[in-house]
């Protein structure tokens, strides 16, 4: 009986841990080729604006940036982290600044 209860408790803990995680999409660096300035954002990272270029939101400042000549590279791959971790809080703050879809 004791083994069954401890097994059920372990399953409940695993379900609780899995249910309390945050999926963070890949983090990208976008570099403006003409100025050399770099920005960070998350995937999906932007949209085409007809006649203007590619528009996205900088994750650090929340500002809308539009570039016509850029390079994109992946800084971090997609991951799942505990909802109370520093990374999850950083991602949620970036999403609140705008433009980032959770």
C-alpha atoms as a PDB file:
ATOM      1  CA  UNK A   1       0.000   0.000   0.000  1.00  0.00           C
ATOM      2  CA  UNK A   2       2.810   2.378   0.897  1.00  0.00           C
ATOM      3  CA  UNK A   3       4.547   1.757  -2.462  1.00  0.00           C
ATOM      4  CA  UNK A   4       1.325   2.497  -4.340  1.00  0.00           C
ATOM      5  CA  UNK A   5       0.850   5.795  -2.493  1.00  0.00           C
ATOM      6  CA  UNK A   6       4.440   6.887  -3.058  1.00  0.00           C
ATOM      7  CA  UNK A   7       4.094   5.960  -6.752  1.00  0.00           C
ATOM      8  CA  UNK A   8       0.918   8.039  -7.072  1.00  0.00           C
ATOM      9  CA  UNK A   9       2.614  10.936  -5.325  1.00  0.00           C
ATOM     10  CA  UNK A  10       5.550  10.756  -7.761  1.00  0.00           C
ATOM     11  CA  UNK A  11       3.168  10.790 -10.745  1.00  0.00           C
ATOM     12  CA  UNK A  12       1.282  13.795  -9.330  1.00  0.00           C
ATOM     13  CA  UNK A  13       4.539  15.682  -8.820  1.00  0.00           C
ATOM     14  CA  UNK A  14       5.656  14.936 -12.407  1.00  0.00           C
ATOM     15  CA  UNK A  15       2.324  16.146 -13.801  1.00  0.00           C
ATOM     16  CA  UNK A  16       2.546  19.320 -11.732  1.00  0.00           C
ATOM     17  CA  UNK A  17       6.079  20.035 -12.914  1.00  0.00           C
ATOM     18  CA  UNK A  18       5.229  19.460 -16.583  1.00  0.00           C
ATOM     19  CA  UNK A  19       2.110  21.623 -16.311  1.00  0.00           C
ATOM     20  CA  UNK A  20       4.083  24.511 -14.829  1.00  0.00           C
ATOM     21  CA  UNK A  21       6.597  25.003 -17.606  1.00  0.00           C
ATOM     22  CA  UNK A  22       6.945  27.771 -20.159  1.00  0.00           C
ATOM     23  CA  UNK A  23       7.848  27.062 -23.778  1.00  0.00           C
ATOM     24  CA  UNK A  24      10.285  29.712 -24.984  1.00  0.00           C
ATOM     25  CA  UNK A  25      10.683  29.990 -28.773  1.00  0.00           C
ATOM     26  CA  UNK A  26      14.130  30.359 -30.359  1.00  0.00           C
ATOM     27  CA  UNK A  27      15.852  33.641 -29.468  1.00  0.00           C
ATOM     28  CA  UNK A  28      17.209  35.470 -32.517  1.00  0.00           C
ATOM     29  CA  UNK A  29      19.738  38.198 -33.171  1.00  0.00           C
ATOM     30  CA  UNK A  30      18.867  40.550 -36.030  1.00  0.00           C
ATOM     31  CA  UNK A  31      21.737  42.688 -37.301  1.00  0.00           C
ATOM     32  CA  UNK A  32      21.211  45.820 -39.372  1.00  0.00           C
ATOM     33  CA  UNK A  33      23.872  45.381 -42.070  1.00  0.00           C
ATOM     34  CA  UNK A  34      24.079  49.101 -42.914  1.00  0.00           C
ATOM     35  CA  UNK A  35      24.738  50.304 -39.333  1.00  0.00           C
ATOM     36  CA  UNK A  36      26.045  47.148 -37.657  1.00  0.00           C
ATOM     37  CA  UNK A  37      23.540  47.538 -34.795  1.00  0.00           C
ATOM     38  CA  UNK A  38      22.107  44.298 -33.366  1.00  0.00           C
ATOM     39  CA  UNK A  39      18.683  43.579 -31.893  1.00  0.00           C
ATOM     40  CA  UNK A  40      17.221  40.550 -30.123  1.00  0.00           C
ATOM     41  CA  UNK A  41      13.800  39.053 -30.693  1.00  0.00           C
ATOM     42  CA  UNK A  42      12.001  35.712 -30.632  1.00  0.00           C
ATOM     43  CA  UNK A  43      10.682  33.543 -33.434  1.00  0.00           C
ATOM     44  CA  UNK A  44       8.327  34.166 -35.257  1.00  0.00           C
ATOM     45  CA  UNK A  45      10.140  37.428 -35.435  1.00  0.00           C
ATOM     46  CA  UNK A  46       8.318  39.833 -37.729  1.00  0.00           C
ATOM     47  CA  UNK A  47       6.365  40.622 -40.835  1.00  0.00           C
ATOM     48  CA  UNK A  48       6.876  42.194 -44.238  1.00  0.00           C
ATOM     49  CA  UNK A  49       5.738  45.806 -44.508  1.00  0.00           C
ATOM     50  CA  UNK A  50       5.105  46.626 -48.164  1.00  0.00           C
ATOM     51  CA  UNK A  51       7.508  49.232 -49.489  1.00  0.00           C
ATOM     52  CA  UNK A  52       9.286  49.609 -46.121  1.00  0.00           C
ATOM     53  CA  UNK A  53      11.070  46.331 -45.332  1.00  0.00           C
ATOM     54  CA  UNK A  54      10.755  43.785 -42.556  1.00  0.00           C
ATOM     55  CA  UNK A  55       9.283  44.933 -39.238  1.00  0.00           C
ATOM     56  CA  UNK A  56       9.811  43.294 -35.847  1.00  0.00           C
ATOM     57  CA  UNK A  57       9.822  44.185 -32.144  1.00  0.00           C
ATOM     58  CA  UNK A  58      13.096  44.458 -30.236  1.00  0.00           C
ATOM     59  CA  UNK A  59      12.737  42.146 -27.211  1.00  0.00           C
ATOM     60  CA  UNK A  60      14.835  44.366 -24.939  1.00  0.00           C
ATOM     61  CA  UNK A  61      13.154  47.727 -25.577  1.00  0.00           C
ATOM     62  CA  UNK A  62       9.774  46.853 -27.098  1.00  0.00           C
ATOM     63  CA  UNK A  63      10.435  49.256 -29.996  1.00  0.00           C
ATOM     64  CA  UNK A  64       9.224  48.465 -33.509  1.00  0.00           C
ATOM     65  CA  UNK A  65      12.191  48.206 -35.881  1.00  0.00           C
ATOM     66  CA  UNK A  66      11.948  48.135 -39.691  1.00  0.00           C
ATOM     67  CA  UNK A  67      14.949  46.984 -41.718  1.00  0.00           C
ATOM     68  CA  UNK A  68      15.557  46.393 -45.411  1.00  0.00           C
ATOM     69  CA  UNK A  69      19.088  44.956 -45.197  1.00  0.00           C
ATOM     70  CA  UNK A  70      19.535  42.538 -42.284  1.00  0.00           C
ATOM     71  CA  UNK A  71      21.103  39.276 -41.123  1.00  0.00           C
ATOM     72  CA  UNK A  72      19.370  36.858 -38.748  1.00  0.00           C
ATOM     73  CA  UNK A  73      21.086  34.308 -36.506  1.00  0.00           C
ATOM     74  CA  UNK A  74      19.862  32.045 -33.712  1.00  0.00           C
ATOM     75  CA  UNK A  75      21.209  32.845 -30.233  1.00  0.00           C
ATOM     76  CA  UNK A  76      19.318  30.166 -28.280  1.00  0.00           C
ATOM     77  CA  UNK A  77      17.200  27.262 -29.458  1.00  0.00           C
ATOM     78  CA  UNK A  78      13.640  26.578 -28.310  1.00  0.00           C
ATOM     79  CA  UNK A  79      13.342  25.278 -24.748  1.00  0.00           C
ATOM     80  CA  UNK A  80      10.968  24.587 -21.888  1.00  0.00           C
ATOM     81  CA  UNK A  81      11.759  26.091 -18.513  1.00  0.00           C
ATOM     82  CA  UNK A  82       9.958  26.139 -15.139  1.00  0.00           C
ATOM     83  CA  UNK A  83       7.358  28.913 -14.978  1.00  0.00           C
ATOM     84  CA  UNK A  84       9.045  30.493 -11.948  1.00  0.00           C
ATOM     85  CA  UNK A  85      12.551  30.571 -13.478  1.00  0.00           C
ATOM     86  CA  UNK A  86      14.421  33.757 -14.382  1.00  0.00           C
ATOM     87  CA  UNK A  87      14.330  32.821 -18.085  1.00  0.00           C
ATOM     88  CA  UNK A  88      10.540  32.436 -18.028  1.00  0.00           C
ATOM     89  CA  UNK A  89      10.150  35.798 -16.302  1.00  0.00           C
ATOM     90  CA  UNK A  90      12.497  37.441 -18.832  1.00  0.00           C
ATOM     91  CA  UNK A  91      10.490  35.988 -21.744  1.00  0.00           C
ATOM     92  CA  UNK A  92       7.154  37.073 -20.249  1.00  0.00           C
ATOM     93  CA  UNK A  93       8.513  40.600 -19.726  1.00  0.00           C
ATOM     94  CA  UNK A  94       9.659  40.714 -23.364  1.00  0.00           C
ATOM     95  CA  UNK A  95       6.235  39.493 -24.494  1.00  0.00           C
ATOM     96  CA  UNK A  96       4.531  42.217 -22.459  1.00  0.00           C
ATOM     97  CA  UNK A  97       6.711  44.895 -24.084  1.00  0.00           C
ATOM     98  CA  UNK A  98       5.026  43.918 -27.325  1.00  0.00           C
ATOM     99  CA  UNK A  99       5.178  42.031 -30.558  1.00  0.00           C
ATOM    100  CA  UNK A 100       6.184  38.668 -29.172  1.00  0.00           C
ATOM    101  CA  UNK A 101       3.685  35.834 -29.328  1.00  0.00           C
ATOM    102  CA  UNK A 102       3.713  33.389 -26.424  1.00  0.00           C
END
